[in-house]
Amino acid sequence: MDELDAKIETGKNFIRSRITQLRLKADVSEYQMSYDLGQNRGYIQAISSGKAMPSMTGFLNICDYFNITPLEFFDHTIEEPELVNEIVSILKTMNEDDLLLLKEVLTRIAKK
């Protein structure tokens, strides 16, 4: 296996693992997720087991299913991407004074 093949395999493994991680966090079965996505009952199981990979459209549908962006999908440091999205949506509606106050509170919390 050359270097490119190894990188591709690493990427596929990450995608499979990330889908499983997000699915388990959402407490949804492979079957239910497949059904919710409008796919056959074994769709997510085939991805998780390495028998298949989602198409680009399928991948975008999976991101939409978890209410995350593709960037958030690939950012493994975000353990709760949907919650982070909800918080960011709220932040976008706040005025500068409230944002500065919230920043101060978060800074204090992070120091503990």
PDB file of N, CA and C in Angstrom:
ATOM      1  N   MET A   1       0.860  -1.173   0.000  1.00  0.00           N
ATOM      2  CA  MET A   1       0.000   0.000   0.000  1.00  0.00           C
ATOM      3  C   MET A   1       0.903   1.231   0.000  1.00  0.00           C
ATOM      4  N   ASP A   2       0.690   2.112  -0.974  1.00  0.00           N
ATOM      5  CA  ASP A   2       1.512   3.318  -1.014  1.00  0.00           C
ATOM      6  C   ASP A   2       0.942   4.390  -0.086  1.00  0.00           C
ATOM      7  N   GLU A   3       1.639   5.511  -0.026  1.00  0.00           N
ATOM      8  CA  GLU A   3       1.263   6.570   0.921  1.00  0.00           C
ATOM      9  C   GLU A   3      -0.134   7.130   0.655  1.00  0.00           C
ATOM     10  N   LEU A   4      -0.486   7.315  -0.606  1.00  0.00           N
ATOM     11  CA  LEU A   4      -1.808   7.840  -0.945  1.00  0.00           C
ATOM     12  C   LEU A   4      -2.902   6.863  -0.521  1.00  0.00           C
ATOM     13  N   ASP A   5      -2.691   5.591  -0.791  1.00  0.00           N
ATOM     14  CA  ASP A   5      -3.678   4.579  -0.383  1.00  0.00           C
ATOM     15  C   ASP A   5      -3.858   4.568   1.131  1.00  0.00           C
ATOM     16  N   ALA A   6      -2.759   4.732   1.843  1.00  0.00           N
ATOM     17  CA  ALA A   6      -2.828   4.753   3.309  1.00  0.00           C
ATOM     18  C   ALA A   6      -3.626   5.957   3.793  1.00  0.00           C
ATOM     19  N   LYS A   7      -3.431   7.115   3.167  1.00  0.00           N
ATOM     20  CA  LYS A   7      -4.180   8.320   3.551  1.00  0.00           C
ATOM     21  C   LYS A   7      -5.667   8.150   3.247  1.00  0.00           C
ATOM     22  N   ILE A   8      -5.965   7.555   2.111  1.00  0.00           N
ATOM     23  CA  ILE A   8      -7.373   7.320   1.752  1.00  0.00           C
ATOM     24  C   ILE A   8      -8.019   6.380   2.764  1.00  0.00           C
ATOM     25  N   GLU A   9      -7.331   5.325   3.121  1.00  0.00           N
ATOM     26  CA  GLU A   9      -7.867   4.365   4.095  1.00  0.00           C
ATOM     27  C   GLU A   9      -8.065   5.025   5.457  1.00  0.00           C
ATOM     28  N   THR A  10      -7.125   5.870   5.853  1.00  0.00           N
ATOM     29  CA  THR A  10      -7.254   6.608   7.122  1.00  0.00           C
ATOM     30  C   THR A  10      -8.492   7.500   7.083  1.00  0.00           C
ATOM     31  N   GLY A  11      -8.705   8.175   5.958  1.00  0.00           N
ATOM     32  CA  GLY A  11      -9.882   9.033   5.813  1.00  0.00           C
ATOM     33  C   GLY A  11     -11.177   8.249   5.883  1.00  0.00           C
ATOM     34  N   LYS A  12     -11.209   7.111   5.219  1.00  0.00           N
ATOM     35  CA  LYS A  12     -12.412   6.265   5.258  1.00  0.00           C
ATOM     36  C   LYS A  12     -12.685   5.780   6.680  1.00  0.00           C
ATOM     37  N   ASN A  13     -11.636   5.372   7.362  1.00  0.00           N
ATOM     38  CA  ASN A  13     -11.810   4.917   8.745  1.00  0.00           C
ATOM     39  C   ASN A  13     -12.327   6.039   9.633  1.00  0.00           C
ATOM     40  N   PHE A  14     -11.821   7.261   9.415  1.00  0.00           N
ATOM     41  CA  PHE A  14     -12.301   8.390  10.198  1.00  0.00           C
ATOM     42  C   PHE A  14     -13.787   8.626   9.940  1.00  0.00           C
ATOM     43  N   ILE A  15     -14.189   8.628   8.680  1.00  0.00           N
ATOM     44  CA  ILE A  15     -15.600   8.869   8.332  1.00  0.00           C
ATOM     45  C   ILE A  15     -16.489   7.819   8.993  1.00  0.00           C
ATOM     46  N   ARG A  16     -16.102   6.559   8.893  1.00  0.00           N
ATOM     47  CA  ARG A  16     -16.895   5.490   9.525  1.00  0.00           C
ATOM     48  C   ARG A  16     -16.984   5.689  11.035  1.00  0.00           C
ATOM     49  N   SER A  17     -15.853   5.962  11.647  1.00  0.00           N
ATOM     50  CA  SER A  17     -15.823   6.136  13.105  1.00  0.00           C
ATOM     51  C   SER A  17     -16.622   7.353  13.539  1.00  0.00           C
ATOM     52  N   ARG A  18     -16.511   8.433  12.781  1.00  0.00           N
ATOM     53  CA  ARG A  18     -17.210   9.673  13.152  1.00  0.00           C
ATOM     54  C   ARG A  18     -18.722   9.494  13.040  1.00  0.00           C
ATOM     55  N   ILE A  19     -19.164   8.827  11.985  1.00  0.00           N
ATOM     56  CA  ILE A  19     -20.603   8.570  11.846  1.00  0.00           C
ATOM     57  C   ILE A  19     -21.086   7.733  13.031  1.00  0.00           C
ATOM     58  N   THR A  20     -20.338   6.715  13.385  1.00  0.00           N
ATOM     59  CA  THR A  20     -20.715   5.871  14.516  1.00  0.00           C
ATOM     60  C   THR A  20     -20.734   6.683  15.807  1.00  0.00           C
ATOM     61  N   GLN A  21     -19.714   7.502  16.016  1.00  0.00           N
ATOM     62  CA  GLN A  21     -19.651   8.336  17.218  1.00  0.00           C
ATOM     63  C   GLN A  21     -20.873   9.252  17.313  1.00  0.00           C
ATOM     64  N   LEU A  22     -21.188   9.932  16.228  1.00  0.00           N
ATOM     65  CA  LEU A  22     -22.324  10.855  16.227  1.00  0.00           C
ATOM     66  C   LEU A  22     -23.645  10.101  16.385  1.00  0.00           C
ATOM     67  N   ARG A  23     -23.740   8.943  15.752  1.00  0.00           N
ATOM     68  CA  ARG A  23     -24.965   8.148  15.843  1.00  0.00           C
ATOM     69  C   ARG A  23     -25.194   7.659  17.268  1.00  0.00           C
ATOM     70  N   LEU A  24     -24.146   7.171  17.903  1.00  0.00           N
ATOM     71  CA  LEU A  24     -24.279   6.703  19.284  1.00  0.00           C
ATOM     72  C   LEU A  24     -24.604   7.860  20.226  1.00  0.00           C
ATOM     73  N   LYS A  25     -23.988   9.011  19.992  1.00  0.00           N
ATOM     74  CA  LYS A  25     -24.262  10.193  20.810  1.00  0.00           C
ATOM     75  C   LYS A  25     -25.732  10.600  20.663  1.00  0.00           C
ATOM     76  N   ALA A  26     -26.274  10.428  19.458  1.00  0.00           N
ATOM     77  CA  ALA A  26     -27.686  10.760  19.206  1.00  0.00           C
ATOM     78  C   ALA A  26     -28.622   9.642  19.660  1.00  0.00           C
ATOM     79  N   ASP A  27     -28.037   8.518  20.111  1.00  0.00           N
ATOM     80  CA  ASP A  27     -28.797   7.367  20.583  1.00  0.00           C
ATOM     81  C   ASP A  27     -29.787   6.875  19.530  1.00  0.00           C
ATOM     82  N   VAL A  28     -29.270   6.666  18.322  1.00  0.00           N
ATOM     83  CA  VAL A  28     -30.092   6.170  17.223  1.00  0.00           C
ATOM     84  C   VAL A  28     -29.416   4.930  16.639  1.00  0.00           C
ATOM     85  N   SER A  29     -30.218   3.952  16.275  1.00  0.00           N
ATOM     86  CA  SER A  29     -29.677   2.712  15.714  1.00  0.00           C
ATOM     87  C   SER A  29     -29.269   2.919  14.256  1.00  0.00           C
ATOM     88  N   GLU A  30     -28.453   2.009  13.758  1.00  0.00           N
ATOM     89  CA  GLU A  30     -28.069   2.059  12.343  1.00  0.00           C
ATOM     90  C   GLU A  30     -29.305   1.953  11.466  1.00  0.00           C
ATOM     91  N   TYR A  31     -30.191   1.052  11.827  1.00  0.00           N
ATOM     92  CA  TYR A  31     -31.423   0.858  11.060  1.00  0.00           C
ATOM     93  C   TYR A  31     -32.266   2.129  11.045  1.00  0.00           C
ATOM     94  N   GLN A  32     -32.474   2.735  12.219  1.00  0.00           N
ATOM     95  CA  GLN A  32     -33.311   3.932  12.302  1.00  0.00           C
ATOM     96  C   GLN A  32     -32.690   5.084  11.517  1.00  0.00           C
ATOM     97  N   MET A  33     -31.395   5.245  11.619  1.00  0.00           N
ATOM     98  CA  MET A  33     -30.728   6.319  10.887  1.00  0.00           C
ATOM     99  C   MET A  33     -30.861   6.095   9.378  1.00  0.00           C
ATOM    100  N   SER A  34     -30.671   4.857   8.940  1.00  0.00           N
ATOM    101  CA  SER A  34     -30.844   4.535   7.519  1.00  0.00           C
ATOM    102  C   SER A  34     -32.252   4.899   7.064  1.00  0.00           C
ATOM    103  N   TYR A  35     -33.230   4.502   7.853  1.00  0.00           N
ATOM    104  CA  TYR A  35     -34.626   4.791   7.549  1.00  0.00           C
ATOM    105  C   TYR A  35     -34.873   6.296   7.504  1.00  0.00           C
ATOM    106  N   ASP A  36     -34.373   7.020   8.508  1.00  0.00           N
ATOM    107  CA  ASP A  36     -34.558   8.471   8.573  1.00  0.00           C
ATOM    108  C   ASP A  36     -33.945   9.180   7.368  1.00  0.00           C
ATOM    109  N   LEU A  37     -32.856   8.617   6.858  1.00  0.00           N
ATOM    110  CA  LEU A  37     -32.189   9.204   5.692  1.00  0.00           C
ATOM    111  C   LEU A  37     -32.845   8.781   4.377  1.00  0.00           C
ATOM    112  N   GLY A  38     -33.864   7.935   4.454  1.00  0.00           N
ATOM    113  CA  GLY A  38     -34.558   7.484   3.251  1.00  0.00           C
ATOM    114  C   GLY A  38     -33.784   6.437   2.470  1.00  0.00           C
ATOM    115  N   GLN A  39     -32.937   5.716   3.161  1.00  0.00           N
ATOM    116  CA  GLN A  39     -32.106   4.692   2.525  1.00  0.00           C
ATOM    117  C   GLN A  39     -32.588   3.295   2.911  1.00  0.00           C
ATOM    118  N   ASN A  40     -31.990   2.285   2.304  1.00  0.00           N
ATOM    119  CA  ASN A  40     -32.350   0.915   2.680  1.00  0.00           C
ATOM    120  C   ASN A  40     -31.862   0.635   4.096  1.00  0.00           C
ATOM    121  N   ARG A  41     -32.417  -0.367   4.700  1.00  0.00           N
ATOM    122  CA  ARG A  41     -32.188  -0.621   6.124  1.00  0.00           C
ATOM    123  C   ARG A  41     -30.736  -0.888   6.490  1.00  0.00           C
ATOM    124  N   GLY A  42     -29.917  -1.342   5.542  1.00  0.00           N
ATOM    125  CA  GLY A  42     -28.529  -1.658   5.831  1.00  0.00           C
ATOM    126  C   GLY A  42     -27.536  -0.575   5.436  1.00  0.00           C
ATOM    127  N   TYR A  43     -28.034   0.592   5.040  1.00  0.00           N
ATOM    128  CA  TYR A  43     -27.172   1.667   4.533  1.00  0.00           C
ATOM    129  C   TYR A  43     -26.088   2.067   5.527  1.00  0.00           C
ATOM    130  N   ILE A  44     -26.465   2.435   6.724  1.00  0.00           N
ATOM    131  CA  ILE A  44     -25.486   2.883   7.723  1.00  0.00           C
ATOM    132  C   ILE A  44     -24.630   1.717   8.194  1.00  0.00           C
ATOM    133  N   GLN A  45     -25.206   0.543   8.305  1.00  0.00           N
ATOM    134  CA  GLN A  45     -24.419  -0.622   8.703  1.00  0.00           C
ATOM    135  C   GLN A  45     -23.332  -0.913   7.674  1.00  0.00           C
ATOM    136  N   ALA A  46     -23.645  -0.757   6.394  1.00  0.00           N
ATOM    137  CA  ALA A  46     -22.652  -0.993   5.343  1.00  0.00           C
ATOM    138  C   ALA A  46     -21.523   0.027   5.434  1.00  0.00           C
ATOM    139  N   ILE A  47     -21.849   1.264   5.755  1.00  0.00           N
ATOM    140  CA  ILE A  47     -20.822   2.299   5.916  1.00  0.00           C
ATOM    141  C   ILE A  47     -19.975   1.984   7.152  1.00  0.00           C
ATOM    142  N   SER A  48     -20.633   1.695   8.260  1.00  0.00           N
ATOM    143  CA  SER A  48     -19.924   1.437   9.521  1.00  0.00           C
ATOM    144  C   SER A  48     -19.000   0.235   9.435  1.00  0.00           C
ATOM    145  N   SER A  49     -19.398  -0.760   8.669  1.00  0.00           N
ATOM    146  CA  SER A  49     -18.599  -1.985   8.571  1.00  0.00           C
ATOM    147  C   SER A  49     -17.502  -1.889   7.521  1.00  0.00           C
ATOM    148  N   GLY A  50     -17.502  -0.826   6.743  1.00  0.00           N
ATOM    149  CA  GLY A  50     -16.476  -0.663   5.721  1.00  0.00           C
ATOM    150  C   GLY A  50     -16.831  -1.253   4.374  1.00  0.00           C
ATOM    151  N   LYS A  51     -18.050  -1.730   4.220  1.00  0.00           N
ATOM    152  CA  LYS A  51     -18.471  -2.296   2.941  1.00  0.00           C
ATOM    153  C   LYS A  51     -18.821  -1.217   1.925  1.00  0.00           C
ATOM    154  N   ALA A  52     -19.128  -0.011   2.403  1.00  0.00           N
ATOM    155  CA  ALA A  52     -19.535   1.074   1.510  1.00  0.00           C
ATOM    156  C   ALA A  52     -19.109   2.413   2.109  1.00  0.00           C
ATOM    157  N   MET A  53     -19.121   3.420   1.270  1.00  0.00           N
ATOM    158  CA  MET A  53     -18.895   4.797   1.703  1.00  0.00           C
ATOM    159  C   MET A  53     -20.051   5.630   1.155  1.00  0.00           C
ATOM    160  N   PRO A  54     -20.454   6.660   1.891  1.00  0.00           N
ATOM    161  CA  PRO A  54     -21.545   7.487   1.364  1.00  0.00           C
ATOM    162  C   PRO A  54     -21.071   8.291   0.158  1.00  0.00           C
ATOM    163  N   SER A  55     -21.982   8.548  -0.757  1.00  0.00           N
ATOM    164  CA  SER A  55     -21.694   9.477  -1.855  1.00  0.00           C
ATOM    165  C   SER A  55     -21.571  10.872  -1.262  1.00  0.00           C
ATOM    166  N   MET A  56     -21.194  11.842  -2.054  1.00  0.00           N
ATOM    167  CA  MET A  56     -21.115  13.211  -1.552  1.00  0.00           C
ATOM    168  C   MET A  56     -22.488  13.675  -1.084  1.00  0.00           C
ATOM    169  N   THR A  57     -23.518  13.361  -1.860  1.00  0.00           N
ATOM    170  CA  THR A  57     -24.879  13.722  -1.447  1.00  0.00           C
ATOM    171  C   THR A  57     -25.246  13.003  -0.156  1.00  0.00           C
ATOM    172  N   GLY A  58     -24.891  11.742  -0.078  1.00  0.00           N
ATOM    173  CA  GLY A  58     -25.155  10.979   1.148  1.00  0.00           C
ATOM    174  C   GLY A  58     -24.432  11.567   2.342  1.00  0.00           C
ATOM    175  N   PHE A  59     -23.183  11.953   2.137  1.00  0.00           N
ATOM    176  CA  PHE A  59     -22.405  12.568   3.217  1.00  0.00           C
ATOM    177  C   PHE A  59     -23.061  13.864   3.690  1.00  0.00           C
ATOM    178  N   LEU A  60     -23.476  14.700   2.736  1.00  0.00           N
ATOM    179  CA  LEU A  60     -24.127  15.969   3.104  1.00  0.00           C
ATOM    180  C   LEU A  60     -25.450  15.714   3.822  1.00  0.00           C
ATOM    181  N   ASN A  61     -26.168  14.672   3.411  1.00  0.00           N
ATOM    182  CA  ASN A  61     -27.407  14.310   4.108  1.00  0.00           C
ATOM    183  C   ASN A  61     -27.122  13.841   5.529  1.00  0.00           C
ATOM    184  N   ILE A  62     -26.017  13.118   5.707  1.00  0.00           N
ATOM    185  CA  ILE A  62     -25.637  12.665   7.044  1.00  0.00           C
ATOM    186  C   ILE A  62     -25.294  13.864   7.922  1.00  0.00           C
ATOM    187  N   CYS A  63     -24.556  14.814   7.377  1.00  0.00           N
ATOM    188  CA  CYS A  63     -24.243  16.035   8.135  1.00  0.00           C
ATOM    189  C   CYS A  63     -25.525  16.763   8.520  1.00  0.00           C
ATOM    190  N   ASP A  64     -26.438  16.877   7.573  1.00  0.00           N
ATOM    191  CA  ASP A  64     -27.714  17.535   7.843  1.00  0.00           C
ATOM    192  C   ASP A  64     -28.502  16.764   8.911  1.00  0.00           C
ATOM    193  N   TYR A  65     -28.451  15.461   8.865  1.00  0.00           N
ATOM    194  CA  TYR A  65     -29.134  14.622   9.842  1.00  0.00           C
ATOM    195  C   TYR A  65     -28.661  14.953  11.260  1.00  0.00           C
ATOM    196  N   PHE A  66     -27.360  15.171  11.414  1.00  0.00           N
ATOM    197  CA  PHE A  66     -26.805  15.499  12.726  1.00  0.00           C
ATOM    198  C   PHE A  66     -26.789  17.003  12.999  1.00  0.00           C
ATOM    199  N   ASN A  67     -27.326  17.780  12.050  1.00  0.00           N
ATOM    200  CA  ASN A  67     -27.393  19.233  12.189  1.00  0.00           C
ATOM    201  C   ASN A  67     -25.995  19.848  12.365  1.00  0.00           C
ATOM    202  N   ILE A  68     -25.060  19.364  11.554  1.00  0.00           N
ATOM    203  CA  ILE A  68     -23.694  19.880  11.585  1.00  0.00           C
ATOM    204  C   ILE A  68     -23.230  20.176  10.166  1.00  0.00           C
ATOM    205  N   THR A  69     -22.188  20.980  10.059  1.00  0.00           N
ATOM    206  CA  THR A  69     -21.591  21.270   8.764  1.00  0.00           C
ATOM    207  C   THR A  69     -20.529  20.205   8.463  1.00  0.00           C
ATOM    208  N   PRO A  70     -20.137  20.082   7.204  1.00  0.00           N
ATOM    209  CA  PRO A  70     -19.029  19.166   6.897  1.00  0.00           C
ATOM    210  C   PRO A  70     -17.755  19.516   7.670  1.00  0.00           C
ATOM    211  N   LEU A  71     -17.498  20.787   7.856  1.00  0.00           N
ATOM    212  CA  LEU A  71     -16.319  21.189   8.632  1.00  0.00           C
ATOM    213  C   LEU A  71     -16.410  20.654  10.056  1.00  0.00           C
ATOM    214  N   GLU A  72     -17.576  20.752  10.663  1.00  0.00           N
ATOM    215  CA  GLU A  72     -17.760  20.243  12.023  1.00  0.00           C
ATOM    216  C   GLU A  72     -17.675  18.718  12.056  1.00  0.00           C
ATOM    217  N   PHE A  73     -18.104  18.081  10.993  1.00  0.00           N
ATOM    218  CA  PHE A  73     -17.986  16.625  10.920  1.00  0.00           C
ATOM    219  C   PHE A  73     -16.522  16.208  11.031  1.00  0.00           C
ATOM    220  N   PHE A  74     -15.663  16.916  10.324  1.00  0.00           N
ATOM    221  CA  PHE A  74     -14.249  16.538  10.294  1.00  0.00           C
ATOM    222  C   PHE A  74     -13.441  17.090  11.459  1.00  0.00           C
ATOM    223  N   ASP A  75     -14.035  17.960  12.266  1.00  0.00           N
ATOM    224  CA  ASP A  75     -13.342  18.490  13.441  1.00  0.00           C
ATOM    225  C   ASP A  75     -13.631  17.570  14.628  1.00  0.00           C
ATOM    226  N   HIS A  76     -12.769  16.611  14.829  1.00  0.00           N
ATOM    227  CA  HIS A  76     -12.988  15.610  15.873  1.00  0.00           C
ATOM    228  C   HIS A  76     -12.847  16.181  17.285  1.00  0.00           C
ATOM    229  N   THR A  77     -12.372  17.414  17.406  1.00  0.00           N
ATOM    230  CA  THR A  77     -12.236  18.013  18.737  1.00  0.00           C
ATOM    231  C   THR A  77     -13.569  18.506  19.272  1.00  0.00           C
ATOM    232  N   ILE A  78     -14.564  18.627  18.416  1.00  0.00           N
ATOM    233  CA  ILE A  78     -15.892  19.062  18.852  1.00  0.00           C
ATOM    234  C   ILE A  78     -16.703  17.819  19.204  1.00  0.00           C
ATOM    235  N   GLU A  79     -16.902  17.600  20.502  1.00  0.00           N
ATOM    236  CA  GLU A  79     -17.625  16.401  20.928  1.00  0.00           C
ATOM    237  C   GLU A  79     -19.135  16.559  20.816  1.00  0.00           C
ATOM    238  N   GLU A  80     -19.619  17.785  20.898  1.00  0.00           N
ATOM    239  CA  GLU A  80     -21.058  18.052  20.839  1.00  0.00           C
ATOM    240  C   GLU A  80     -21.342  19.070  19.740  1.00  0.00           C
ATOM    241  N   PRO A  81     -21.139  18.711  18.457  1.00  0.00           N
ATOM    242  CA  PRO A  81     -21.280  19.700  17.391  1.00  0.00           C
ATOM    243  C   PRO A  81     -22.669  20.321  17.276  1.00  0.00           C
ATOM    244  N   GLU A  82     -23.707  19.539  17.522  1.00  0.00           N
ATOM    245  CA  GLU A  82     -25.062  20.090  17.416  1.00  0.00           C
ATOM    246  C   GLU A  82     -25.298  21.134  18.505  1.00  0.00           C
ATOM    247  N   LEU A  83     -24.842  20.856  19.705  1.00  0.00           N
ATOM    248  CA  LEU A  83     -24.977  21.810  20.812  1.00  0.00           C
ATOM    249  C   LEU A  83     -24.179  23.080  20.527  1.00  0.00           C
ATOM    250  N   VAL A  84     -22.972  22.924  20.013  1.00  0.00           N
ATOM    251  CA  VAL A  84     -22.148  24.087  19.652  1.00  0.00           C
ATOM    252  C   VAL A  84     -22.875  24.931  18.602  1.00  0.00           C
ATOM    253  N   ASN A  85     -23.493  24.280  17.616  1.00  0.00           N
ATOM    254  CA  ASN A  85     -24.267  25.010  16.601  1.00  0.00           C
ATOM    255  C   ASN A  85     -25.409  25.802  17.212  1.00  0.00           C
ATOM    256  N   GLU A  86     -26.110  25.190  18.148  1.00  0.00           N
ATOM    257  CA  GLU A  86     -27.230  25.881  18.803  1.00  0.00           C
ATOM    258  C   GLU A  86     -26.735  27.113  19.554  1.00  0.00           C
ATOM    259  N   ILE A  87     -25.605  26.973  20.238  1.00  0.00           N
ATOM    260  CA  ILE A  87     -25.044  28.092  20.996  1.00  0.00           C
ATOM    261  C   ILE A  87     -24.602  29.202  20.052  1.00  0.00           C
ATOM    262  N   VAL A  88     -23.948  28.829  18.962  1.00  0.00           N
ATOM    263  CA  VAL A  88     -23.496  29.832  17.991  1.00  0.00           C
ATOM    264  C   VAL A  88     -24.696  30.576  17.399  1.00  0.00           C
ATOM    265  N   SER A  89     -25.783  29.870  17.150  1.00  0.00           N
ATOM    266  CA  SER A  89     -26.989  30.523  16.628  1.00  0.00           C
ATOM    267  C   SER A  89     -27.502  31.578  17.599  1.00  0.00           C
ATOM    268  N   ILE A  90     -27.470  31.263  18.869  1.00  0.00           N
ATOM    269  CA  ILE A  90     -27.895  32.233  19.883  1.00  0.00           C
ATOM    270  C   ILE A  90     -26.929  33.414  19.920  1.00  0.00           C
ATOM    271  N   LEU A  91     -25.636  33.120  19.865  1.00  0.00           N
ATOM    272  CA  LEU A  91     -24.623  34.176  19.909  1.00  0.00           C
ATOM    273  C   LEU A  91     -24.794  35.173  18.765  1.00  0.00           C
ATOM    274  N   LYS A  92     -25.191  34.684  17.613  1.00  0.00           N
ATOM    275  CA  LYS A  92     -25.352  35.551  16.439  1.00  0.00           C
ATOM    276  C   LYS A  92     -26.446  36.592  16.634  1.00  0.00           C
ATOM    277  N   THR A  93     -27.355  36.345  17.574  1.00  0.00           N
ATOM    278  CA  THR A  93     -28.459  37.283  17.800  1.00  0.00           C
ATOM    279  C   THR A  93     -28.148  38.311  18.888  1.00  0.00           C
ATOM    280  N   MET A  94     -27.013  38.135  19.563  1.00  0.00           N
ATOM    281  CA  MET A  94     -26.705  38.990  20.717  1.00  0.00           C
ATOM    282  C   MET A  94     -25.980  40.266  20.292  1.00  0.00           C
ATOM    283  N   ASN A  95     -26.189  41.323  21.090  1.00  0.00           N
ATOM    284  CA  ASN A  95     -25.495  42.581  20.806  1.00  0.00           C
ATOM    285  C   ASN A  95     -24.084  42.539  21.394  1.00  0.00           C
ATOM    286  N   GLU A  96     -23.295  43.535  21.064  1.00  0.00           N
ATOM    287  CA  GLU A  96     -21.889  43.547  21.460  1.00  0.00           C
ATOM    288  C   GLU A  96     -21.707  43.538  22.976  1.00  0.00           C
ATOM    289  N   ASP A  97     -22.510  44.307  23.703  1.00  0.00           N
ATOM    290  CA  ASP A  97     -22.381  44.350  25.162  1.00  0.00           C
ATOM    291  C   ASP A  97     -22.617  42.971  25.790  1.00  0.00           C
ATOM    292  N   ASP A  98     -23.653  42.288  25.317  1.00  0.00           N
ATOM    293  CA  ASP A  98     -23.948  40.961  25.849  1.00  0.00           C
ATOM    294  C   ASP A  98     -22.848  39.960  25.490  1.00  0.00           C
ATOM    295  N   LEU A  99     -22.316  40.070  24.280  1.00  0.00           N
ATOM    296  CA  LEU A  99     -21.229  39.185  23.873  1.00  0.00           C
ATOM    297  C   LEU A  99     -19.986  39.399  24.725  1.00  0.00           C
ATOM    298  N   LEU A 100     -19.666  40.655  25.016  1.00  0.00           N
ATOM    299  CA  LEU A 100     -18.505  40.951  25.858  1.00  0.00           C
ATOM    300  C   LEU A 100     -18.700  40.407  27.272  1.00  0.00           C
ATOM    301  N   LEU A 101     -19.899  40.553  27.803  1.00  0.00           N
ATOM    302  CA  LEU A 101     -20.207  40.014  29.123  1.00  0.00           C
ATOM    303  C   LEU A 101     -20.072  38.488  29.130  1.00  0.00           C
ATOM    304  N   LEU A 102     -20.626  37.860  28.116  1.00  0.00           N
ATOM    305  CA  LEU A 102     -20.536  36.404  28.013  1.00  0.00           C
ATOM    306  C   LEU A 102     -19.079  35.953  27.873  1.00  0.00           C
ATOM    307  N   LYS A 103     -18.305  36.679  27.123  1.00  0.00           N
ATOM    308  CA  LYS A 103     -16.878  36.359  26.965  1.00  0.00           C
ATOM    309  C   LYS A 103     -16.172  36.392  28.325  1.00  0.00           C
ATOM    310  N   GLU A 104     -16.495  37.396  29.131  1.00  0.00           N
ATOM    311  CA  GLU A 104     -15.890  37.510  30.454  1.00  0.00           C
ATOM    312  C   GLU A 104     -16.279  36.328  31.337  1.00  0.00           C
ATOM    313  N   VAL A 105     -17.555  35.952  31.299  1.00  0.00           N
ATOM    314  CA  VAL A 105     -18.017  34.821  32.096  1.00  0.00           C
ATOM    315  C   VAL A 105     -17.333  33.530  31.651  1.00  0.00           C
ATOM    316  N   LEU A 106     -17.258  33.304  30.346  1.00  0.00           N
ATOM    317  CA  LEU A 106     -16.622  32.102  29.827  1.00  0.00           C
ATOM    318  C   LEU A 106     -15.140  32.052  30.164  1.00  0.00           C
ATOM    319  N   THR A 107     -14.485  33.198  30.118  1.00  0.00           N
ATOM    320  CA  THR A 107     -13.074  33.260  30.472  1.00  0.00           C
ATOM    321  C   THR A 107     -12.873  32.863  31.933  1.00  0.00           C
ATOM    322  N   ARG A 108     -13.733  33.351  32.807  1.00  0.00           N
ATOM    323  CA  ARG A 108     -13.663  32.982  34.230  1.00  0.00           C
ATOM    324  C   ARG A 108     -13.887  31.492  34.439  1.00  0.00           C
ATOM    325  N   ILE A 109     -14.878  30.946  33.761  1.00  0.00           N
ATOM    326  CA  ILE A 109     -15.181  29.522  33.887  1.00  0.00           C
ATOM    327  C   ILE A 109     -14.011  28.678  33.390  1.00  0.00           C
ATOM    328  N   ALA A 110     -13.409  29.084  32.297  1.00  0.00           N
ATOM    329  CA  ALA A 110     -12.319  28.311  31.693  1.00  0.00           C
ATOM    330  C   ALA A 110     -11.072  28.297  32.583  1.00  0.00           C
ATOM    331  N   LYS A 111     -10.926  29.308  33.427  1.00  0.00           N
ATOM    332  CA  LYS A 111      -9.756  29.380  34.315  1.00  0.00           C
ATOM    333  C   LYS A 111      -9.854  28.402  35.478  1.00  0.00           C
ATOM    334  N   LYS A 112     -11.060  27.927  35.782  1.00  0.00           N
ATOM    335  CA  LYS A 112     -11.262  27.033  36.938  1.00  0.00           C
ATOM    336  C   LYS A 112     -10.893  25.617  36.628  1.00  0.00           C
TER     337      LYS A 112
END
